[in-house]
Protein backbone atom coordinates (compact mmCIF):
# COMPACT_ATOMS: atom_id res chain seq x y z
CA UNK A 1 240.75 120.72 8.46
CA UNK A 2 242.51 117.24 10.55
CA UNK A 3 239.85 114.40 11.66
CA UNK A 4 239.95 114.02 15.17
CA UNK A 5 239.20 110.08 15.56
CA UNK A 6 236.00 109.50 17.53
CA UNK A 7 235.83 106.40 19.21
CA UNK A 8 233.93 104.69 21.58
CA UNK A 9 234.55 102.03 23.87
CA UNK A 10 230.81 99.91 25.22
CA UNK A 11 231.39 99.14 29.23
CA UNK A 12 233.52 100.77 31.69
CA UNK A 13 234.92 97.74 33.47
CA UNK A 14 238.44 96.59 33.32
CA UNK A 15 238.35 95.52 29.70
CA UNK A 16 237.43 99.21 29.10
CA UNK A 17 239.43 100.61 31.35
CA UNK A 18 243.17 98.93 30.02
CA UNK A 19 241.49 99.55 26.21
CA UNK A 20 240.99 103.40 27.30
CA UNK A 21 244.65 103.54 28.86
CA UNK A 22 246.25 102.19 25.90
CA UNK A 23 244.08 104.40 24.12
CA UNK A 24 245.64 107.80 25.63
CA UNK A 25 248.42 106.79 25.58
CA UNK A 26 248.84 107.40 22.17
CA UNK A 27 250.14 110.54 20.92
CA UNK A 28 247.67 111.65 18.15
CA UNK A 29 244.01 113.69 20.37
CA UNK A 30 241.46 111.35 20.09
CA UNK A 31 237.73 112.15 20.60
CA UNK A 32 237.20 109.23 22.81
CA UNK A 33 233.35 108.53 24.74
CA UNK A 34 232.90 105.89 27.32
CA UNK A 35 229.18 104.32 27.66
CA UNK A 36 228.10 102.56 30.88
CA UNK A 37 224.64 101.03 31.30
CA UNK A 38 225.03 102.13 35.43
CA UNK A 39 226.01 104.13 37.13
CA UNK A 40 228.95 103.12 39.24
CA UNK A 41 231.84 103.21 36.11
CA UNK A 42 234.53 102.10 36.30
CA UNK A 43 235.06 98.79 38.44
CA UNK A 44 232.71 96.24 36.52
CA UNK A 45 230.12 94.10 37.55
CA UNK A 46 232.75 91.45 39.38
CA UNK A 47 233.82 94.07 41.06
CA UNK A 48 230.80 96.16 41.74
CA UNK A 49 229.46 97.57 45.13
CA UNK A 50 226.47 95.33 45.32
CA UNK A 51 227.04 92.80 43.40
CA UNK A 52 229.24 91.16 45.05
CA UNK A 53 229.68 91.23 48.74
CA UNK A 54 232.72 92.52 50.96
CA UNK A 55 234.12 89.67 52.07
CA UNK A 56 234.70 88.06 48.10
CA UNK A 57 237.86 87.82 47.10
CA UNK A 58 239.62 88.57 44.07
CA UNK A 59 242.30 85.15 42.72
CA UNK A 60 245.42 87.29 41.96
CA UNK A 61 247.55 88.90 44.70
CA UNK A 62 248.11 93.14 43.88
CA UNK A 63 251.24 92.82 41.97
CA UNK A 64 249.66 90.92 39.53
CA UNK A 65 246.99 93.52 38.53
CA UNK A 66 248.50 95.27 36.37
CA UNK A 67 248.61 99.21 37.31
CA UNK A 68 246.70 101.62 34.91
CA UNK A 69 248.29 104.98 36.18
CA UNK A 70 249.90 103.16 39.94
CA UNK A 71 250.25 99.89 41.40
CA UNK A 72 247.33 99.05 43.74
CA UNK A 73 250.02 98.98 46.66
CA UNK A 74 250.68 102.33 45.96
CA UNK A 75 247.59 103.71 45.80
CA UNK A 76 246.45 101.74 48.90
CA UNK A 77 248.93 103.37 50.82
CA UNK A 78 247.67 107.13 49.63
CA UNK A 79 244.02 106.01 51.43
CA UNK A 80 243.40 107.90 54.46
CA UNK A 81 242.91 105.60 57.94
CA UNK A 82 239.48 105.64 57.66
CA UNK A 83 238.95 104.25 54.66
CA UNK A 84 241.63 101.38 55.55
CA UNK A 85 239.88 100.76 58.91
CA UNK A 86 236.95 100.25 57.29
CA UNK A 87 238.50 96.99 55.35
CA UNK A 88 240.24 95.92 57.97
CA UNK A 89 243.61 96.83 56.54
CA UNK A 90 246.40 98.13 58.83
CA UNK A 91 249.27 100.33 56.56
CA UNK A 92 252.38 98.38 57.85
CA UNK A 93 250.36 94.81 56.80
CA UNK A 94 249.50 96.48 52.57
CA UNK A 95 251.53 93.78 51.07
CA UNK A 96 252.22 93.26 47.13
CA UNK A 97 251.98 89.47 47.51
CA UNK A 98 248.41 89.86 49.30
CA UNK A 99 245.12 88.77 47.63
CA UNK A 100 242.37 91.67 48.76
CA UNK A 101 238.25 92.02 48.72
CA UNK A 102 236.75 92.41 44.50
CA UNK A 103 234.35 95.62 45.93
CA UNK A 104 238.34 96.80 47.28
CA UNK A 105 239.33 96.29 44.09
CA UNK A 106 236.50 97.97 41.88
CA UNK A 107 237.18 101.41 44.52
CA UNK A 108 240.94 101.49 43.45
CA UNK A 109 239.85 100.80 39.77
CA UNK A 110 237.34 103.82 39.77
CA UNK A 111 239.49 105.86 41.11
CA UNK A 112 242.29 105.32 38.62
CA UNK A 113 239.63 104.97 35.90
CA UNK A 114 239.13 108.74 36.67
CA UNK A 115 242.78 109.76 37.05
CA UNK A 116 243.22 108.22 33.93
CA UNK A 117 240.33 110.13 31.91
CA UNK A 118 242.16 113.17 33.20
CA UNK A 119 245.17 112.61 32.73
CA UNK A 120 243.89 111.80 28.83
CA UNK A 121 242.06 115.43 28.95
CA UNK A 122 245.40 117.06 30.06
CA UNK A 123 247.28 115.33 27.46
CA UNK A 124 244.93 116.87 24.62
CA UNK A 125 242.59 114.31 24.39
CA UNK A 126 238.78 114.82 24.38
CA UNK A 127 237.57 111.88 26.70
CA UNK A 128 233.71 111.74 27.82
CA UNK A 129 231.93 109.22 30.00
CA UNK A 130 228.59 109.28 30.18
CA UNK A 131 226.69 106.89 33.01
CA UNK A 132 223.77 105.53 32.60
CA UNK A 133 223.70 104.83 29.04
CA UNK A 134 222.80 101.26 27.81
CA UNK A 135 223.75 100.77 24.59
CA UNK A 136 220.97 98.65 22.49
CA UNK A 137 222.63 98.21 18.68
CA UNK A 138 224.84 99.40 16.43
CA UNK A 139 224.65 99.91 13.14
CA UNK A 140 227.49 99.98 10.80
CA UNK A 141 227.22 102.42 8.04
CA UNK A 142 229.58 103.35 4.29
CA UNK A 143 230.62 106.89 6.71
CA UNK A 144 230.34 105.34 10.49
CA UNK A 145 229.20 102.91 13.24
CA UNK A 146 226.27 104.33 14.78
CA UNK A 147 225.17 103.34 18.15
CA UNK A 148 221.48 103.28 19.26
CA UNK A 149 221.66 104.11 23.33
CA UNK A 150 219.10 104.41 25.65
CA UNK A 151 220.18 107.51 27.67
CA UNK A 152 218.45 109.82 30.73
CA UNK A 153 216.51 111.98 28.28
CA UNK A 154 214.96 108.53 25.97
CA UNK A 155 216.83 106.81 23.21
CA UNK A 156 219.76 108.46 21.12
CA UNK A 157 221.44 107.59 18.41
CA UNK A 158 225.61 108.75 18.60
CA UNK A 159 228.31 108.00 15.56
CA UNK A 160 231.11 106.81 16.10
CA UNK A 161 234.75 106.45 13.75
CA UNK A 162 235.64 103.26 16.08
CA UNK A 163 234.10 101.19 18.31
CA UNK A 164 235.17 98.52 21.31
CA UNK A 165 232.40 96.49 22.32
CA UNK A 166 233.68 96.09 26.07
CA UNK A 167 230.64 94.99 27.42
CA UNK A 168 232.41 92.35 30.33
CA UNK A 169 230.82 89.31 31.40
CA UNK A 170 227.07 88.51 30.37
CA UNK A 171 225.56 86.26 34.07
CA UNK A 172 221.41 85.08 32.86
CA UNK A 173 218.98 86.05 34.96
CA UNK A 174 217.26 83.02 35.61
CA UNK A 175 219.62 80.38 34.70
CA UNK A 176 219.36 76.56 33.43
CA UNK A 177 220.71 73.25 32.72
CA UNK A 178 218.74 70.74 31.18
CA UNK A 179 215.20 71.36 32.17
CA UNK A 180 215.88 72.38 36.24
CA UNK A 181 215.81 75.84 36.65
CA UNK A 182 218.87 77.13 38.42
CA UNK A 183 219.33 80.50 41.14
CA UNK A 184 222.07 82.98 39.59
CA UNK A 185 224.32 84.01 41.85
CA UNK A 186 224.41 87.73 40.90
CA UNK A 187 223.36 89.56 42.66
CA UNK A 188 225.50 88.47 45.66
CA UNK A 189 221.90 88.84 48.14
CA UNK A 190 220.34 86.51 45.04
CA UNK A 191 221.94 83.80 47.35
CA UNK A 192 222.03 85.61 51.52
CA UNK A 193 218.35 85.71 50.81
CA UNK A 194 217.73 81.84 50.75
CA UNK A 195 216.25 80.56 53.34
CA UNK A 196 217.99 78.29 55.79
CA UNK A 197 217.72 74.54 54.00
CA UNK A 198 218.80 71.85 51.48
CA UNK A 199 221.09 74.54 49.20
CA UNK A 200 223.23 72.61 46.22
CA UNK A 201 225.69 74.73 44.42
CA UNK A 202 226.20 73.84 40.70
CA UNK A 203 230.39 74.21 40.61
CA UNK A 204 233.62 73.63 42.61
CA UNK A 205 235.67 76.06 41.96
CA UNK A 206 235.63 80.23 42.58
CA UNK A 207 232.33 81.52 41.64
CA UNK A 208 230.97 78.62 44.04
CA UNK A 209 233.44 79.64 46.66
CA UNK A 210 232.18 82.89 46.43
CA UNK A 211 229.02 80.76 46.83
CA UNK A 212 229.41 79.29 49.92
CA UNK A 213 231.06 81.52 51.26
CA UNK A 214 228.20 83.92 51.44
CA UNK A 215 225.68 80.99 52.52
CA UNK A 216 227.94 80.87 55.38
CA UNK A 217 227.81 84.22 56.35
CA UNK A 218 224.72 84.39 56.33
CA UNK A 219 223.35 81.72 58.48
CA UNK A 220 225.87 82.11 60.42
CA UNK A 221 229.66 83.35 62.13
CA UNK A 222 233.00 82.41 61.08
CA UNK A 223 235.40 83.04 63.92
CA UNK A 224 238.75 83.84 62.37
CA UNK A 225 241.55 83.69 64.96
CA UNK A 226 245.18 83.05 62.80
CA UNK A 227 245.28 80.53 60.96
CA UNK A 228 241.86 78.66 62.44
CA UNK A 229 238.98 79.32 61.22
CA UNK A 230 235.87 77.99 62.56
CA UNK A 231 232.20 78.35 62.06
CA UNK A 232 229.00 78.46 63.60
CA UNK A 233 225.49 78.28 62.84
CA UNK A 234 222.67 80.97 63.45
CA UNK A 235 219.77 79.39 65.90
CA UNK A 236 217.55 79.87 63.44
CA UNK A 237 220.00 78.18 60.93
CA UNK A 238 220.50 75.06 61.92
CA UNK A 239 218.33 73.19 58.71
CA UNK A 240 221.62 74.17 56.56
CA UNK A 241 223.39 72.06 54.78
CA UNK A 242 225.33 72.72 51.51
CA UNK A 243 226.06 70.36 48.44
CA UNK A 244 228.38 71.36 45.80
CA UNK A 245 228.09 69.38 42.81
CA UNK A 246 230.40 69.20 39.86
CA UNK A 247 231.69 67.01 37.00
CA UNK A 248 234.83 65.62 39.22
CA UNK A 249 233.56 66.59 42.82
CA UNK A 250 236.86 68.25 43.63
CA UNK A 251 238.47 71.90 44.05
CA UNK A 252 241.27 73.80 42.85
CA UNK A 253 244.44 74.32 44.80
CA UNK A 254 245.33 77.15 47.48
CA UNK A 255 247.22 79.37 46.14
CA UNK A 256 251.34 79.01 46.64
CA UNK A 257 254.26 81.05 46.33
CA UNK A 258 255.89 81.39 43.27
CA UNK A 259 258.82 83.58 42.08
CA UNK A 260 257.46 87.07 41.08
CA UNK A 261 258.52 88.89 39.17
CA UNK A 262 258.08 84.95 37.23
CA UNK A 263 261.28 83.60 36.37
CA UNK A 264 261.24 81.88 32.72
CA UNK A 265 260.88 78.91 31.80
CA UNK A 266 263.20 76.98 30.57
CA UNK A 267 261.09 74.52 27.57
CA UNK A 268 257.38 76.20 26.94
CA UNK A 269 258.73 79.86 26.14
CA UNK A 270 257.17 82.48 24.02
CA UNK A 271 260.49 82.28 21.90
CA UNK A 272 259.98 78.23 22.13
CA UNK A 273 255.56 78.24 20.74
CA UNK A 274 256.96 80.87 18.78
CA UNK A 275 259.11 77.96 16.34
CA UNK A 276 256.70 75.78 16.89
CA UNK A 277 254.67 77.67 14.75
CA UNK A 278 256.76 79.20 11.71
CA UNK A 279 257.21 75.15 11.62
CA UNK A 280 253.50 75.12 10.76
CA UNK A 281 250.35 73.82 12.14
CA UNK A 282 250.59 70.06 11.65
CA UNK A 283 250.62 68.13 14.83
CA UNK A 284 250.98 71.49 16.11
CA UNK A 285 249.06 70.38 19.99
CA UNK A 286 251.23 67.83 20.35
CA UNK A 287 254.37 69.61 20.06
CA UNK A 288 253.68 72.66 22.10
CA UNK A 289 252.42 69.49 24.81
CA UNK A 290 255.56 68.19 24.32
CA UNK A 291 257.31 71.01 25.38
CA UNK A 292 255.14 71.74 28.49
CA UNK A 293 255.88 67.59 28.98
CA UNK A 294 259.58 68.90 28.74
CA UNK A 295 259.21 71.12 31.74
CA UNK A 296 257.65 69.41 33.87
CA UNK A 297 260.13 66.41 33.59
CA UNK A 298 263.10 68.32 34.41
CA UNK A 299 261.81 70.63 37.19
CA UNK A 300 259.03 68.17 39.05
CA UNK A 301 261.04 65.23 37.89
CA UNK A 302 259.20 63.55 41.20
CA UNK A 303 255.92 64.69 40.38
CA UNK A 304 255.52 63.24 37.40
CA UNK A 305 257.36 59.97 38.49
CA UNK A 306 254.28 60.05 40.92
CA UNK A 307 251.62 60.74 37.98
CA UNK A 308 252.82 57.47 35.67
CA UNK A 309 253.93 56.57 32.35
CA UNK A 310 249.73 57.51 31.40
CA UNK A 311 251.06 61.57 32.13
CA UNK A 312 253.63 61.65 29.36
CA UNK A 313 250.67 62.00 26.82
CA UNK A 314 247.75 64.51 26.43
CA UNK A 315 244.76 61.60 27.08
CA UNK A 316 246.35 60.85 29.52
CA UNK A 317 247.48 63.57 31.52
CA UNK A 318 244.76 65.12 32.56
CA UNK A 319 243.02 61.99 34.17
CA UNK A 320 246.44 61.63 36.05
CA UNK A 321 246.39 65.09 36.64
CA UNK A 322 243.26 64.73 39.04
CA UNK A 323 243.75 61.23 39.99
CA UNK A 324 245.49 62.29 43.40
CA UNK A 325 242.23 64.43 44.50
CA UNK A 326 239.36 62.38 43.24
CA UNK A 327 240.90 59.11 44.78
CA UNK A 328 241.08 61.38 48.72
CA UNK A 329 237.70 63.03 48.10
CA UNK A 330 237.37 66.82 47.33
CA UNK A 331 237.18 68.52 50.72
CA UNK A 332 239.40 65.71 52.11
CA UNK A 333 242.52 66.66 49.46
CA UNK A 334 241.56 70.21 49.89
CA UNK A 335 242.85 70.58 53.20
CA UNK A 336 245.45 68.44 52.05
CA UNK A 337 246.82 70.79 49.48
CA UNK A 338 246.67 73.58 51.55
CA UNK A 339 249.22 72.18 53.91
CA UNK A 340 251.51 71.91 51.28
CA UNK A 341 250.35 75.04 50.07
CA UNK A 342 250.62 77.29 53.24
CA UNK A 343 254.77 75.29 53.94
CA UNK A 344 255.49 76.75 50.34
CA UNK A 345 254.28 80.22 51.28
CA UNK A 346 256.38 80.14 55.14
CA UNK A 347 258.89 78.75 53.05
CA UNK A 348 259.66 81.33 50.03
CA UNK A 349 259.57 77.65 47.94
CA UNK A 350 257.44 76.86 44.64
CA UNK A 351 255.49 73.94 44.36
CA UNK A 352 256.98 73.53 40.97
CA UNK A 353 254.91 71.01 38.95
CA UNK A 354 252.23 74.13 39.65
CA UNK A 355 254.45 77.15 38.41
CA UNK A 356 255.42 74.66 35.21
CA UNK A 357 251.21 74.43 34.45
CA UNK A 358 250.95 78.15 35.55
CA UNK A 359 253.13 79.83 33.82
CA UNK A 360 253.44 77.60 30.89
CA UNK A 361 249.78 77.21 30.07
CA UNK A 362 249.97 80.84 29.36
CA UNK A 363 251.93 80.26 26.67
CA UNK A 364 249.13 77.63 24.97
CA UNK A 365 247.45 81.04 24.29
CA UNK A 366 249.28 81.56 21.48
CA UNK A 367 248.40 78.44 19.42
CA UNK A 368 244.43 78.62 20.39
CA UNK A 369 243.19 80.34 17.70
CA UNK A 370 245.61 78.48 14.95
CA UNK A 371 244.35 74.84 15.96
CA UNK A 372 242.08 72.91 13.54
CA UNK A 373 238.79 71.50 14.96
CA UNK A 374 240.50 68.23 15.80
CA UNK A 375 243.07 69.32 17.98
CA UNK A 376 240.74 72.16 19.80
CA UNK A 377 238.50 69.30 20.61
CA UNK A 378 241.57 67.42 22.17
CA UNK A 379 242.45 70.65 24.04
CA UNK A 380 239.14 71.65 24.97
CA UNK A 381 238.49 68.69 26.65
CA UNK A 382 241.76 67.54 28.00
CA UNK A 383 243.82 70.10 28.43
CA UNK A 384 241.39 72.82 29.01
CA UNK A 385 240.14 71.40 32.42
CA UNK A 386 243.58 70.79 33.76
CA UNK A 387 244.78 74.70 33.20
CA UNK A 388 241.81 75.65 34.55
CA UNK A 389 242.24 74.09 37.28
CA UNK A 390 245.93 75.27 38.26
CA UNK A 391 244.81 79.20 37.16
CA UNK A 392 241.90 79.36 39.67
CA UNK A 393 244.46 79.40 42.70
CA UNK A 394 242.42 79.87 45.90
CA UNK A 395 243.25 82.53 48.60
CA UNK A 396 243.81 80.97 51.84
CA UNK A 397 240.80 83.10 53.47
CA UNK A 398 238.70 81.45 51.11
CA UNK A 399 239.95 77.52 51.70
CA UNK A 400 239.82 77.76 55.49
CA UNK A 401 235.84 78.92 54.84
CA UNK A 402 235.10 76.41 52.89
CA UNK A 403 236.95 74.06 55.37
CA UNK A 404 235.18 75.87 58.13
CA UNK A 405 231.88 74.38 56.89
CA UNK A 406 232.75 71.59 56.18
CA UNK A 407 234.53 70.84 59.65
CA UNK A 408 230.75 71.75 61.70
CA UNK A 409 229.55 69.48 59.10
CA UNK A 410 227.51 71.70 56.46
CA UNK A 411 229.68 71.11 53.71
CA UNK A 412 230.39 68.05 51.11
CA UNK A 413 230.86 68.18 47.59
CA UNK A 414 229.47 65.33 45.35
CA UNK A 415 230.14 63.91 41.86
CA UNK A 416 227.94 64.07 39.16
CA UNK A 417 229.68 61.51 37.06
CA UNK A 418 229.96 61.35 33.21
CA UNK A 419 225.59 59.99 33.49
CA UNK A 420 224.21 63.18 35.36
CA UNK A 421 221.10 65.17 34.73
CA UNK A 422 219.16 67.46 36.10
CA UNK A 423 215.20 68.12 36.84
CA UNK A 424 212.88 70.97 38.51
CA UNK A 425 210.93 68.32 41.28
CA UNK A 426 207.59 68.25 42.41
CA UNK A 427 208.74 70.27 45.11
CA UNK A 428 209.89 73.56 43.85
CA UNK A 429 213.56 72.47 43.87
CA UNK A 430 215.98 70.62 41.88
CA UNK A 431 217.17 66.90 42.11
CA UNK A 432 220.48 66.05 40.21
CA UNK A 433 222.00 62.38 39.52
CA UNK A 434 225.26 62.28 40.82
CA UNK A 435 227.24 59.31 41.44
CA UNK A 436 225.38 58.46 44.81
CA UNK A 437 222.12 58.15 43.54
CA UNK A 438 219.26 61.79 43.01
CA UNK A 439 220.22 64.22 45.60
CA UNK A 440 216.53 67.07 45.63
CA UNK A 441 217.78 70.48 46.68
CA UNK A 442 215.50 73.48 47.65
CA UNK A 443 217.79 75.69 45.52
CA UNK A 444 220.63 75.36 43.08
CA UNK A 445 222.72 77.93 42.93
CA UNK A 446 224.31 78.07 39.14
CA UNK A 447 228.13 78.97 39.98
CA UNK A 448 229.42 77.60 36.88
CA UNK A 449 231.45 81.02 36.07
CA UNK A 450 231.10 82.51 32.76
CA UNK A 451 229.90 80.94 29.83
CA UNK A 452 231.15 80.61 26.39
CA UNK A 453 229.50 82.27 23.70
CA UNK A 454 229.63 83.03 19.72
CA UNK A 455 229.11 86.50 17.84
CA UNK A 456 225.62 86.07 17.14
CA UNK A 457 225.08 85.94 20.64
CA UNK A 458 225.92 89.66 20.94
CA UNK A 459 222.57 92.02 21.95
CA UNK A 460 223.40 94.14 18.86
CA UNK A 461 220.45 93.26 16.26
CA UNK A 462 221.84 95.07 13.37
CA UNK A 463 225.60 94.07 13.96
CA UNK A 464 224.51 90.65 14.08
CA UNK A 465 223.19 91.07 10.93
CA UNK A 466 225.76 92.12 9.10
CA UNK A 467 228.93 89.86 10.17
CA UNK A 468 230.53 87.86 7.52
CA UNK A 469 230.86 85.00 10.06
CA UNK A 470 228.35 84.60 12.84
CA UNK A 471 229.76 81.68 14.45
CA UNK A 472 233.21 82.62 13.83
CA UNK A 473 235.95 83.17 16.12
CA UNK A 474 237.76 86.26 16.98
CA UNK A 475 241.11 86.41 16.43
CA UNK A 476 243.63 89.22 17.52
CA UNK A 477 243.30 92.58 16.79
CA UNK A 478 239.74 91.78 17.62
CA UNK A 479 238.06 93.77 14.49
CA UNK A 480 234.72 92.44 13.39
CA UNK A 481 234.92 91.17 9.38
CA UNK A 482 231.76 92.77 8.61
CA UNK A 483 229.63 91.89 5.08
CA UNK A 484 228.62 95.74 4.52
CA UNK A 485 231.83 98.11 3.43
CA UNK A 486 231.97 101.16 5.95
CA UNK A 487 234.82 103.26 6.37
CA UNK A 488 234.49 102.20 10.37
CA UNK A 489 235.97 99.29 12.64
CA UNK A 490 233.91 97.75 15.19
CA UNK A 491 236.64 95.61 17.98
CA UNK A 492 235.01 92.93 20.17
CA UNK A 493 236.42 92.72 23.63
CA UNK A 494 233.12 91.42 25.06
CA UNK A 495 233.57 88.16 27.31
CA UNK A 496 231.30 85.75 26.47
CA UNK A 497 232.52 86.02 22.74
CA UNK A 498 236.53 86.08 23.49
CA UNK A 499 235.96 83.33 25.75
CA UNK A 500 234.82 81.14 22.26
CA UNK A 501 238.97 81.27 21.36
CA UNK A 502 240.84 82.52 24.17
CA UNK A 503 239.26 80.87 27.53
CA UNK A 504 242.39 82.60 29.79
CA UNK A 505 240.50 85.64 29.25
CA UNK A 506 238.97 86.80 32.61
CA UNK A 507 242.05 87.73 34.24
CA UNK A 508 242.77 91.30 35.36
CA UNK A 509 246.08 90.73 33.89
CA UNK A 510 244.55 89.07 30.04
CA UNK A 511 242.56 92.15 30.56
CA UNK A 512 244.77 94.30 30.04
CA UNK A 513 246.82 92.76 27.12
CA UNK A 514 243.57 92.35 25.09
CA UNK A 515 243.11 95.99 24.92
CA UNK A 516 246.87 96.50 24.76
CA UNK A 517 246.55 94.32 20.96
CA UNK A 518 243.19 96.99 20.26
CA UNK A 519 244.17 99.95 21.26
CA UNK A 520 247.36 99.41 19.27
CA UNK A 521 245.29 97.94 16.32
CA UNK A 522 243.44 101.48 16.69
CA UNK A 523 245.94 103.63 16.75
CA UNK A 524 248.30 102.05 13.51
CA UNK A 525 245.37 103.18 11.84
CA UNK A 526 244.50 106.34 12.38
């Protein structure tokens, strides 16, 4: 009798969904089981109602979100008027270049997940979805991979041939930095429950913007008239003041116009990077950076001339890239960059240096797992901050809300600089050492985003004990190397572990690509 492969995905968020999509498109019949610890299966924590507020936006426009069974825009058009009205959407305004709230995307993914599972069943696969099943251990055995899970009926054991860990983000409920206790931003009610007072926000990127907007919504009202946004405090919230603290004291730039489908870069494209890989790993980072420089020098010569000669080296590029915004000041620079971004969209003209960096940095992903330790450190310290900044383009509505709070006099941003320190204050708050001196907050919210973690930090003790290299890096196709012989296999797409060596993996297009890598490897092996 032919054995039908038994595959399980632990988690039911975007990484799991795109992995399942790849598996269910295979020809051979599968038994696919999907476990999720919650009862909200098919959306994932960043898109889940209750964890996120309705006004928190995704920073990918709709056409960039990979289709599951149909594109987001098509799905939106299929919804009835009552649904669209609830989201303040007019059918005529649905646009492939628009940004949408993350919770709305959660509804899309949940609906699409259900459709995907049904299509898989119709294609001859067995698909089981098990909500409220929290996996507490993964146990490799000689013949199979056993799972221990807490179910609504108590603890149970399950056996599978292939296991995919797609457990998503992992946020500490009581985060710390140094000796200071921070407030977790998840669920968002941790933010909105804070009384008006001196609130600090640690970080200044996308997570910080969510926090700031949540505070603004809770303690006042945004008045939005076209492109003009104002903010007015509630009568009982006049004591509210918000300070972002981050290393550089700047914010990412607003979203800008660029061609989609994407135009091919001339220098730092996949074929060129592959050729550098084939030439060996010696000076690999330097050689691929030279491709990026060639791209920038050709596409944006005026910009590169303005950065100065230091920008022609890895050591000098990061400093030159951030220098103008640091000099102007974080929120003043944000207003300046919004003006340029609005002009870019209105005229449908790209900002060439930003497009080269946005598209070019994706091709650096090809070399990251091949870098030696020295080059990895250089990349992490010098180039990753630049790439993270350009990757984190902000929807204009979010920028305008942030600037409205700044104009109302309740928001500022202060750099901590290299000598920062954090400690609990005697009053019960947190004191931060910044370039402007010590500042004490009633509460400091952790908005640094998802941190990377080692394989040894996976929450499955038996699996960790069987890892050949618990401090090693994950490499495609993300199959774990186990020290015990087994006919089974475990693949790891858990977000903190993926980020250890693949720092551009949090977006939905990245989840799609990683899910395809794993599903292809599994299908090849069965």
